[in-house]
């Protein structure tokens, strides 16, 4: 996964994904419920796409500092959406038709 443009990973053996910057890429579909398994993720930028459906829980993603979901057509946010996001500094969910 780290060989893809706009995907950043930790150096070394772990190679865990730390950043996904997929803004304005004409992506469509839904987000997988396993998204929260990316526990080293610090940046998740998905704004300006055609993503739809329910946003999966991001609970417990303590490393996440930047989250941008605006400009998509998500239909709902889970009740525990922000639970455990202790490092979050930037959140953009403008223009979601929730």
PDB file of N, CA and C in Angstrom:
ATOM      1  N   UNK A   1       0.820  -1.193   0.000  1.00  0.00           N
ATOM      2  CA  UNK A   1       0.000   0.000   0.000  1.00  0.00           C
ATOM      3  C   UNK A   1       0.865   1.257   0.000  1.00  0.00           C
ATOM      4  N   UNK A   2       2.050   1.166   0.558  1.00  0.00           N
ATOM      5  CA  UNK A   2       2.901   2.346   0.672  1.00  0.00           C
ATOM      6  C   UNK A   2       3.516   2.781  -0.645  1.00  0.00           C
ATOM      7  N   UNK A   3       3.385   1.994  -1.666  1.00  0.00           N
ATOM      8  CA  UNK A   3       3.920   2.359  -2.959  1.00  0.00           C
ATOM      9  C   UNK A   3       2.979   3.233  -3.771  1.00  0.00           C
ATOM     10  N   UNK A   4       1.807   3.540  -3.224  1.00  0.00           N
ATOM     11  CA  UNK A   4       0.823   4.339  -3.946  1.00  0.00           C
ATOM     12  C   UNK A   4       0.995   5.823  -3.656  1.00  0.00           C
ATOM     13  N   UNK A   5       0.695   6.626  -4.655  1.00  0.00           N
ATOM     14  CA  UNK A   5       0.718   8.070  -4.489  1.00  0.00           C
ATOM     15  C   UNK A   5      -0.299   8.466  -3.417  1.00  0.00           C
ATOM     16  N   UNK A   6       0.043   9.419  -2.592  1.00  0.00           N
ATOM     17  CA  UNK A   6      -0.822   9.974  -1.551  1.00  0.00           C
ATOM     18  C   UNK A   6      -1.058   9.037  -0.372  1.00  0.00           C
ATOM     19  N   UNK A   7      -0.246   7.993  -0.251  1.00  0.00           N
ATOM     20  CA  UNK A   7      -0.268   7.102   0.909  1.00  0.00           C
ATOM     21  C   UNK A   7       1.103   7.174   1.543  1.00  0.00           C
ATOM     22  N   UNK A   8       1.145   7.534   2.823  1.00  0.00           N
ATOM     23  CA  UNK A   8       2.410   7.639   3.543  1.00  0.00           C
ATOM     24  C   UNK A   8       2.450   6.585   4.628  1.00  0.00           C
ATOM     25  N   UNK A   9       3.602   5.960   4.780  1.00  0.00           N
ATOM     26  CA  UNK A   9       3.771   4.904   5.785  1.00  0.00           C
ATOM     27  C   UNK A   9       4.965   5.205   6.679  1.00  0.00           C
ATOM     28  N   UNK A  10       4.961   4.562   7.838  1.00  0.00           N
ATOM     29  CA  UNK A  10       6.097   4.663   8.748  1.00  0.00           C
ATOM     30  C   UNK A  10       7.312   4.028   8.088  1.00  0.00           C
ATOM     31  N   UNK A  11       8.461   4.541   8.409  1.00  0.00           N
ATOM     32  CA  UNK A  11       9.691   3.917   7.931  1.00  0.00           C
ATOM     33  C   UNK A  11      10.011   2.736   8.832  1.00  0.00           C
ATOM     34  N   UNK A  12      10.768   1.824   8.332  1.00  0.00           N
ATOM     35  CA  UNK A  12      11.164   0.679   9.133  1.00  0.00           C
ATOM     36  C   UNK A  12      10.326  -0.536   8.826  1.00  0.00           C
ATOM     37  N   UNK A  13      10.440  -1.502   9.691  1.00  0.00           N
ATOM     38  CA  UNK A  13       9.794  -2.782   9.467  1.00  0.00           C
ATOM     39  C   UNK A  13       8.286  -2.749   9.525  1.00  0.00           C
ATOM     40  N   UNK A  14       7.730  -1.906  10.402  1.00  0.00           N
ATOM     41  CA  UNK A  14       6.270  -1.930  10.568  1.00  0.00           C
ATOM     42  C   UNK A  14       5.551  -1.473   9.309  1.00  0.00           C
ATOM     43  N   UNK A  15       6.032  -0.401   8.685  1.00  0.00           N
ATOM     44  CA  UNK A  15       5.428   0.091   7.456  1.00  0.00           C
ATOM     45  C   UNK A  15       3.963   0.440   7.576  1.00  0.00           C
ATOM     46  N   UNK A  16       3.510   0.768   8.781  1.00  0.00           N
ATOM     47  CA  UNK A  16       2.093   1.082   8.994  1.00  0.00           C
ATOM     48  C   UNK A  16       1.709   2.366   8.270  1.00  0.00           C
ATOM     49  N   UNK A  17       0.498   2.396   7.750  1.00  0.00           N
ATOM     50  CA  UNK A  17      -0.012   3.569   7.041  1.00  0.00           C
ATOM     51  C   UNK A  17      -0.252   4.688   8.051  1.00  0.00           C
ATOM     52  N   UNK A  18       0.321   5.873   7.771  1.00  0.00           N
ATOM     53  CA  UNK A  18       0.151   7.021   8.663  1.00  0.00           C
ATOM     54  C   UNK A  18      -0.676   8.134   8.027  1.00  0.00           C
ATOM     55  N   UNK A  19      -0.703   8.222   6.718  1.00  0.00           N
ATOM     56  CA  UNK A  19      -1.464   9.282   6.060  1.00  0.00           C
ATOM     57  C   UNK A  19      -2.129   8.770   4.788  1.00  0.00           C
ATOM     58  N   UNK A  20      -3.396   9.137   4.631  1.00  0.00           N
ATOM     59  CA  UNK A  20      -4.133   8.913   3.388  1.00  0.00           C
ATOM     60  C   UNK A  20      -4.655  10.263   2.935  1.00  0.00           C
ATOM     61  N   UNK A  21      -4.131  10.773   1.844  1.00  0.00           N
ATOM     62  CA  UNK A  21      -4.589  12.040   1.294  1.00  0.00           C
ATOM     63  C   UNK A  21      -5.204  11.743  -0.068  1.00  0.00           C
ATOM     64  N   UNK A  22      -6.481  11.427  -0.051  1.00  0.00           N
ATOM     65  CA  UNK A  22      -7.198  11.045  -1.271  1.00  0.00           C
ATOM     66  C   UNK A  22      -8.259  12.075  -1.635  1.00  0.00           C
ATOM     67  N   UNK A  23      -7.992  13.321  -1.319  1.00  0.00           N
ATOM     68  CA  UNK A  23      -8.929  14.405  -1.615  1.00  0.00           C
ATOM     69  C   UNK A  23      -9.050  14.619  -3.120  1.00  0.00           C
ATOM     70  N   UNK A  24     -10.270  14.890  -3.543  1.00  0.00           N
ATOM     71  CA  UNK A  24     -10.548  15.263  -4.938  1.00  0.00           C
ATOM     72  C   UNK A  24      -9.998  14.254  -5.948  1.00  0.00           C
ATOM     73  N   UNK A  25     -10.254  12.979  -5.717  1.00  0.00           N
ATOM     74  CA  UNK A  25      -9.771  11.913  -6.597  1.00  0.00           C
ATOM     75  C   UNK A  25     -10.902  11.212  -7.345  1.00  0.00           C
ATOM     76  N   UNK A  26     -12.102  11.762  -7.275  1.00  0.00           N
ATOM     77  CA  UNK A  26     -13.276  11.182  -7.941  1.00  0.00           C
ATOM     78  C   UNK A  26     -13.557   9.764  -7.453  1.00  0.00           C
ATOM     79  N   UNK A  27     -13.301   9.519  -6.181  1.00  0.00           N
ATOM     80  CA  UNK A  27     -13.578   8.212  -5.593  1.00  0.00           C
ATOM     81  C   UNK A  27     -15.067   8.068  -5.329  1.00  0.00           C
ATOM     82  N   UNK A  28     -15.590   6.883  -5.549  1.00  0.00           N
ATOM     83  CA  UNK A  28     -17.005   6.601  -5.294  1.00  0.00           C
ATOM     84  C   UNK A  28     -17.093   5.293  -4.520  1.00  0.00           C
ATOM     85  N   UNK A  29     -18.219   5.093  -3.860  1.00  0.00           N
ATOM     86  CA  UNK A  29     -18.426   3.870  -3.105  1.00  0.00           C
ATOM     87  C   UNK A  29     -18.574   4.165  -1.630  1.00  0.00           C
ATOM     88  N   UNK A  30     -18.323   3.172  -0.809  1.00  0.00           N
ATOM     89  CA  UNK A  30     -18.462   3.313   0.640  1.00  0.00           C
ATOM     90  C   UNK A  30     -17.120   3.045   1.307  1.00  0.00           C
ATOM     91  N   UNK A  31     -16.994   3.497   2.534  1.00  0.00           N
ATOM     92  CA  UNK A  31     -15.788   3.239   3.308  1.00  0.00           C
ATOM     93  C   UNK A  31     -15.937   1.907   4.041  1.00  0.00           C
ATOM     94  N   UNK A  32     -14.876   1.126   4.125  1.00  0.00           N
ATOM     95  CA  UNK A  32     -14.974  -0.170   4.804  1.00  0.00           C
ATOM     96  C   UNK A  32     -15.060   0.000   6.323  1.00  0.00           C
ATOM     97  N   UNK A  33     -15.791  -0.878   6.991  1.00  0.00           N
ATOM     98  CA  UNK A  33     -15.883  -0.795   8.455  1.00  0.00           C
ATOM     99  C   UNK A  33     -14.540  -1.052   9.135  1.00  0.00           C
ATOM    100  N   UNK A  34     -13.588  -1.613   8.424  1.00  0.00           N
ATOM    101  CA  UNK A  34     -12.271  -1.907   8.989  1.00  0.00           C
ATOM    102  C   UNK A  34     -11.315  -0.712   8.943  1.00  0.00           C
ATOM    103  N   UNK A  35     -11.800   0.440   8.510  1.00  0.00           N
ATOM    104  CA  UNK A  35     -10.957   1.622   8.424  1.00  0.00           C
ATOM    105  C   UNK A  35     -10.277   1.931   9.757  1.00  0.00           C
ATOM    106  N   UNK A  36     -10.969   1.704  10.854  1.00  0.00           N
ATOM    107  CA  UNK A  36     -10.411   2.015  12.177  1.00  0.00           C
ATOM    108  C   UNK A  36      -9.256   1.091  12.561  1.00  0.00           C
ATOM    109  N   UNK A  37      -8.998   0.061  11.776  1.00  0.00           N
ATOM    110  CA  UNK A  37      -7.861  -0.815  12.064  1.00  0.00           C
ATOM    111  C   UNK A  37      -6.531  -0.166  11.663  1.00  0.00           C
ATOM    112  N   UNK A  38      -6.605   0.960  10.976  1.00  0.00           N
ATOM    113  CA  UNK A  38      -5.393   1.718  10.634  1.00  0.00           C
ATOM    114  C   UNK A  38      -5.023   2.593  11.837  1.00  0.00           C
ATOM    115  N   UNK A  39      -4.550   1.959  12.887  1.00  0.00           N
ATOM    116  CA  UNK A  39      -4.352   2.626  14.181  1.00  0.00           C
ATOM    117  C   UNK A  39      -3.214   3.634  14.200  1.00  0.00           C
ATOM    118  N   UNK A  40      -2.337   3.623  13.221  1.00  0.00           N
ATOM    119  CA  UNK A  40      -1.242   4.591  13.162  1.00  0.00           C
ATOM    120  C   UNK A  40      -1.580   5.792  12.282  1.00  0.00           C
ATOM    121  N   UNK A  41      -2.783   5.818  11.754  1.00  0.00           N
ATOM    122  CA  UNK A  41      -3.191   6.886  10.845  1.00  0.00           C
ATOM    123  C   UNK A  41      -3.238   8.227  11.578  1.00  0.00           C
ATOM    124  N   UNK A  42      -2.546   9.230  11.027  1.00  0.00           N
ATOM    125  CA  UNK A  42      -2.571  10.573  11.593  1.00  0.00           C
ATOM    126  C   UNK A  42      -3.399  11.523  10.731  1.00  0.00           C
ATOM    127  N   UNK A  43      -3.478  11.250   9.438  1.00  0.00           N
ATOM    128  CA  UNK A  43      -4.198  12.113   8.505  1.00  0.00           C
ATOM    129  C   UNK A  43      -5.091  11.271   7.615  1.00  0.00           C
ATOM    130  N   UNK A  44      -6.366  11.665   7.548  1.00  0.00           N
ATOM    131  CA  UNK A  44      -7.327  11.027   6.651  1.00  0.00           C
ATOM    132  C   UNK A  44      -8.073  12.133   5.926  1.00  0.00           C
ATOM    133  N   UNK A  45      -7.730  12.351   4.667  1.00  0.00           N
ATOM    134  CA  UNK A  45      -8.339  13.399   3.867  1.00  0.00           C
ATOM    135  C   UNK A  45      -9.051  12.765   2.690  1.00  0.00           C
ATOM    136  N   UNK A  46     -10.373  12.798   2.740  1.00  0.00           N
ATOM    137  CA  UNK A  46     -11.208  12.181   1.710  1.00  0.00           C
ATOM    138  C   UNK A  46     -12.168  13.186   1.086  1.00  0.00           C
ATOM    139  N   UNK A  47     -11.990  14.456   1.353  1.00  0.00           N
ATOM    140  CA  UNK A  47     -12.926  15.471   0.893  1.00  0.00           C
ATOM    141  C   UNK A  47     -12.970  15.569  -0.628  1.00  0.00           C
ATOM    142  N   UNK A  48     -14.138  16.014  -1.115  1.00  0.00           N
ATOM    143  CA  UNK A  48     -14.290  16.282  -2.534  1.00  0.00           C
ATOM    144  C   UNK A  48     -14.405  15.062  -3.416  1.00  0.00           C
ATOM    145  N   UNK A  49     -14.926  13.982  -2.899  1.00  0.00           N
ATOM    146  CA  UNK A  49     -15.135  12.769  -3.678  1.00  0.00           C
ATOM    147  C   UNK A  49     -16.628  12.485  -3.785  1.00  0.00           C
ATOM    148  N   UNK A  50     -16.989  11.296  -4.177  1.00  0.00           N
ATOM    149  CA  UNK A  50     -18.394  10.886  -4.266  1.00  0.00           C
ATOM    150  C   UNK A  50     -18.627   9.680  -3.365  1.00  0.00           C
ATOM    151  N   UNK A  51     -18.019   9.709  -2.196  1.00  0.00           N
ATOM    152  CA  UNK A  51     -18.179   8.619  -1.242  1.00  0.00           C
ATOM    153  C   UNK A  51     -19.552   8.725  -0.587  1.00  0.00           C
ATOM    154  N   UNK A  52     -20.185   7.597  -0.324  1.00  0.00           N
ATOM    155  CA  UNK A  52     -21.559   7.590   0.177  1.00  0.00           C
ATOM    156  C   UNK A  52     -21.713   6.548   1.282  1.00  0.00           C
ATOM    157  N   UNK A  53     -22.943   6.401   1.751  1.00  0.00           N
ATOM    158  CA  UNK A  53     -23.244   5.424   2.790  1.00  0.00           C
ATOM    159  C   UNK A  53     -22.877   5.946   4.163  1.00  0.00           C
ATOM    160  N   UNK A  54     -22.839   5.042   5.114  1.00  0.00           N
ATOM    161  CA  UNK A  54     -22.519   5.401   6.490  1.00  0.00           C
ATOM    162  C   UNK A  54     -21.008   5.540   6.669  1.00  0.00           C
ATOM    163  N   UNK A  55     -20.608   6.535   7.430  1.00  0.00           N
ATOM    164  CA  UNK A  55     -19.204   6.655   7.814  1.00  0.00           C
ATOM    165  C   UNK A  55     -18.954   5.594   8.882  1.00  0.00           C
ATOM    166  N   UNK A  56     -17.927   4.777   8.733  1.00  0.00           N
ATOM    167  CA  UNK A  56     -17.659   3.767   9.762  1.00  0.00           C
ATOM    168  C   UNK A  56     -17.132   4.424  11.038  1.00  0.00           C
ATOM    169  N   UNK A  57     -17.234   3.723  12.122  1.00  0.00           N
ATOM    170  CA  UNK A  57     -16.706   4.233  13.384  1.00  0.00           C
ATOM    171  C   UNK A  57     -15.199   4.429  13.275  1.00  0.00           C
ATOM    172  N   UNK A  58     -14.730   5.537  13.770  1.00  0.00           N
ATOM    173  CA  UNK A  58     -13.305   5.805  13.837  1.00  0.00           C
ATOM    174  C   UNK A  58     -12.844   5.770  15.289  1.00  0.00           C
ATOM    175  N   UNK A  59     -13.698   5.282  16.156  1.00  0.00           N
ATOM    176  CA  UNK A  59     -13.424   5.238  17.591  1.00  0.00           C
ATOM    177  C   UNK A  59     -12.098   4.542  17.869  1.00  0.00           C
ATOM    178  N   UNK A  60     -11.327   5.146  18.712  1.00  0.00           N
ATOM    179  CA  UNK A  60     -10.072   4.555  19.127  1.00  0.00           C
ATOM    180  C   UNK A  60      -8.881   4.880  18.255  1.00  0.00           C
ATOM    181  N   UNK A  61      -9.064   5.681  17.216  1.00  0.00           N
ATOM    182  CA  UNK A  61      -7.936   6.049  16.353  1.00  0.00           C
ATOM    183  C   UNK A  61      -7.202   7.226  17.010  1.00  0.00           C
ATOM    184  N   UNK A  62      -6.522   6.926  18.100  1.00  0.00           N
ATOM    185  CA  UNK A  62      -5.912   7.946  18.950  1.00  0.00           C
ATOM    186  C   UNK A  62      -4.826   8.756  18.251  1.00  0.00           C
ATOM    187  N   UNK A  63      -4.241   8.259  17.192  1.00  0.00           N
ATOM    188  CA  UNK A  63      -3.175   8.976  16.478  1.00  0.00           C
ATOM    189  C   UNK A  63      -3.713   9.978  15.467  1.00  0.00           C
ATOM    190  N   UNK A  64      -4.990   9.896  15.141  1.00  0.00           N
ATOM    191  CA  UNK A  64      -5.570  10.747  14.103  1.00  0.00           C
ATOM    192  C   UNK A  64      -5.577  12.214  14.540  1.00  0.00           C
ATOM    193  N   UNK A  65      -4.895  13.075  13.763  1.00  0.00           N
ATOM    194  CA  UNK A  65      -4.843  14.502  14.066  1.00  0.00           C
ATOM    195  C   UNK A  65      -5.643  15.330  13.062  1.00  0.00           C
ATOM    196  N   UNK A  66      -5.834  14.803  11.851  1.00  0.00           N
ATOM    197  CA  UNK A  66      -6.515  15.565  10.790  1.00  0.00           C
ATOM    198  C   UNK A  66      -7.506  14.652  10.079  1.00  0.00           C
ATOM    199  N   UNK A  67      -8.780  15.114  10.037  1.00  0.00           N
ATOM    200  CA  UNK A  67      -9.851  14.345   9.403  1.00  0.00           C
ATOM    201  C   UNK A  67     -10.703  15.273   8.559  1.00  0.00           C
ATOM    202  N   UNK A  68     -10.794  14.995   7.261  1.00  0.00           N
ATOM    203  CA  UNK A  68     -11.595  15.810   6.345  1.00  0.00           C
ATOM    204  C   UNK A  68     -12.475  14.877   5.507  1.00  0.00           C
ATOM    205  N   UNK A  69     -13.777  15.008   5.704  1.00  0.00           N
ATOM    206  CA  UNK A  69     -14.746  14.169   4.993  1.00  0.00           C
ATOM    207  C   UNK A  69     -15.726  14.989   4.154  1.00  0.00           C
ATOM    208  N   UNK A  70     -15.606  16.303   4.176  1.00  0.00           N
ATOM    209  CA  UNK A  70     -16.568  17.174   3.511  1.00  0.00           C
ATOM    210  C   UNK A  70     -16.592  16.961   1.999  1.00  0.00           C
ATOM    211  N   UNK A  71     -17.727  17.337   1.415  1.00  0.00           N
ATOM    212  CA  UNK A  71     -17.867  17.242  -0.029  1.00  0.00           C
ATOM    213  C   UNK A  71     -18.182  15.844  -0.532  1.00  0.00           C
ATOM    214  N   UNK A  72     -18.673  14.977   0.316  1.00  0.00           N
ATOM    215  CA  UNK A  72     -19.111  13.638  -0.061  1.00  0.00           C
ATOM    216  C   UNK A  72     -20.607  13.534   0.223  1.00  0.00           C
ATOM    217  N   UNK A  73     -21.193  12.376   0.018  1.00  0.00           N
ATOM    218  CA  UNK A  73     -22.634  12.209   0.266  1.00  0.00           C
ATOM    219  C   UNK A  73     -22.898  11.139   1.312  1.00  0.00           C
ATOM    220  N   UNK A  74     -22.109  11.154   2.374  1.00  0.00           N
ATOM    221  CA  UNK A  74     -22.329  10.206   3.458  1.00  0.00           C
ATOM    222  C   UNK A  74     -23.728  10.389   4.027  1.00  0.00           C
ATOM    223  N   UNK A  75     -24.326   9.297   4.463  1.00  0.00           N
ATOM    224  CA  UNK A  75     -25.703   9.355   4.959  1.00  0.00           C
ATOM    225  C   UNK A  75     -25.813   9.375   6.472  1.00  0.00           C
ATOM    226  N   UNK A  76     -24.772   8.920   7.168  1.00  0.00           N
ATOM    227  CA  UNK A  76     -24.848   8.923   8.626  1.00  0.00           C
ATOM    228  C   UNK A  76     -23.471   8.821   9.261  1.00  0.00           C
ATOM    229  N   UNK A  77     -23.417   9.272  10.507  1.00  0.00           N
ATOM    230  CA  UNK A  77     -22.225   9.143  11.338  1.00  0.00           C
ATOM    231  C   UNK A  77     -22.588   8.241  12.511  1.00  0.00           C
ATOM    232  N   UNK A  78     -21.711   7.334  12.916  1.00  0.00           N
ATOM    233  CA  UNK A  78     -22.032   6.466  14.049  1.00  0.00           C
ATOM    234  C   UNK A  78     -22.039   7.269  15.356  1.00  0.00           C
ATOM    235  N   UNK A  79     -22.766   6.814  16.366  1.00  0.00           N
ATOM    236  CA  UNK A  79     -22.830   7.541  17.644  1.00  0.00           C
ATOM    237  C   UNK A  79     -21.461   7.713  18.300  1.00  0.00           C
ATOM    238  N   UNK A  80     -20.548   6.769  18.078  1.00  0.00           N
ATOM    239  CA  UNK A  80     -19.222   6.858  18.698  1.00  0.00           C
ATOM    240  C   UNK A  80     -18.176   7.439  17.750  1.00  0.00           C
ATOM    241  N   UNK A  81     -18.632   8.224  16.786  1.00  0.00           N
ATOM    242  CA  UNK A  81     -17.787   8.754  15.721  1.00  0.00           C
ATOM    243  C   UNK A  81     -16.485   9.379  16.228  1.00  0.00           C
ATOM    244  N   UNK A  82     -16.541  10.190  17.260  1.00  0.00           N
ATOM    245  CA  UNK A  82     -15.359  10.898  17.753  1.00  0.00           C
ATOM    246  C   UNK A  82     -14.781  10.291  19.030  1.00  0.00           C
ATOM    247  N   UNK A  83     -15.311   9.198  19.482  1.00  0.00           N
ATOM    248  CA  UNK A  83     -14.868   8.572  20.721  1.00  0.00           C
ATOM    249  C   UNK A  83     -13.417   8.105  20.617  1.00  0.00           C
ATOM    250  N   UNK A  84     -12.590   8.575  21.511  1.00  0.00           N
ATOM    251  CA  UNK A  84     -11.196   8.146  21.545  1.00  0.00           C
ATOM    252  C   UNK A  84     -10.276   8.842  20.568  1.00  0.00           C
ATOM    253  N   UNK A  85     -10.767   9.851  19.860  1.00  0.00           N
ATOM    254  CA  UNK A  85      -9.903  10.594  18.930  1.00  0.00           C
ATOM    255  C   UNK A  85      -9.201  11.710  19.711  1.00  0.00           C
ATOM    256  N   UNK A  86      -8.338  11.322  20.614  1.00  0.00           N
ATOM    257  CA  UNK A  86      -7.733  12.240  21.572  1.00  0.00           C
ATOM    258  C   UNK A  86      -6.707  13.192  20.967  1.00  0.00           C
ATOM    259  N   UNK A  87      -6.195  12.891  19.795  1.00  0.00           N
ATOM    260  CA  UNK A  87      -5.189  13.751  19.152  1.00  0.00           C
ATOM    261  C   UNK A  87      -5.772  14.639  18.063  1.00  0.00           C
ATOM    262  N   UNK A  88      -7.071  14.525  17.800  1.00  0.00           N
ATOM    263  CA  UNK A  88      -7.694  15.243  16.691  1.00  0.00           C
ATOM    264  C   UNK A  88      -7.573  16.756  16.874  1.00  0.00           C
ATOM    265  N   UNK A  89      -6.999  17.420  15.861  1.00  0.00           N
ATOM    266  CA  UNK A  89      -6.815  18.870  15.885  1.00  0.00           C
ATOM    267  C   UNK A  89      -7.612  19.567  14.790  1.00  0.00           C
ATOM    268  N   UNK A  90      -7.944  18.845  13.733  1.00  0.00           N
ATOM    269  CA  UNK A  90      -8.663  19.438  12.599  1.00  0.00           C
ATOM    270  C   UNK A  90      -9.745  18.468  12.155  1.00  0.00           C
ATOM    271  N   UNK A  91     -10.972  18.983  12.051  1.00  0.00           N
ATOM    272  CA  UNK A  91     -12.111  18.180  11.604  1.00  0.00           C
ATOM    273  C   UNK A  91     -12.919  19.005  10.621  1.00  0.00           C
ATOM    274  N   UNK A  92     -13.150  18.458   9.439  1.00  0.00           N
ATOM    275  CA  UNK A  92     -13.978  19.132   8.450  1.00  0.00           C
ATOM    276  C   UNK A  92     -15.019  18.151   7.929  1.00  0.00           C
ATOM    277  N   UNK A  93     -16.272  18.431   8.268  1.00  0.00           N
ATOM    278  CA  UNK A  93     -17.379  17.607   7.801  1.00  0.00           C
ATOM    279  C   UNK A  93     -18.472  18.496   7.211  1.00  0.00           C
ATOM    280  N   UNK A  94     -18.088  19.676   6.728  1.00  0.00           N
ATOM    281  CA  UNK A  94     -19.019  20.601   6.106  1.00  0.00           C
ATOM    282  C   UNK A  94     -19.688  19.963   4.880  1.00  0.00           C
ATOM    283  N   UNK A  95     -20.872  20.419   4.603  1.00  0.00           N
ATOM    284  CA  UNK A  95     -21.613  20.052   3.388  1.00  0.00           C
ATOM    285  C   UNK A  95     -21.913  18.558   3.256  1.00  0.00           C
ATOM    286  N   UNK A  96     -22.022  17.873   4.368  1.00  0.00           N
ATOM    287  CA  UNK A  96     -22.451  16.467   4.307  1.00  0.00           C
ATOM    288  C   UNK A  96     -23.971  16.440   4.430  1.00  0.00           C
ATOM    289  N   UNK A  97     -24.648  15.731   3.578  1.00  0.00           N
ATOM    290  CA  UNK A  97     -26.119  15.709   3.632  1.00  0.00           C
ATOM    291  C   UNK A  97     -26.660  14.729   4.688  1.00  0.00           C
ATOM    292  N   UNK A  98     -26.213  14.888   5.910  1.00  0.00           N
ATOM    293  CA  UNK A  98     -26.639  13.985   6.988  1.00  0.00           C
ATOM    294  C   UNK A  98     -27.988  14.382   7.521  1.00  0.00           C
TER     295      UNK A  98
END
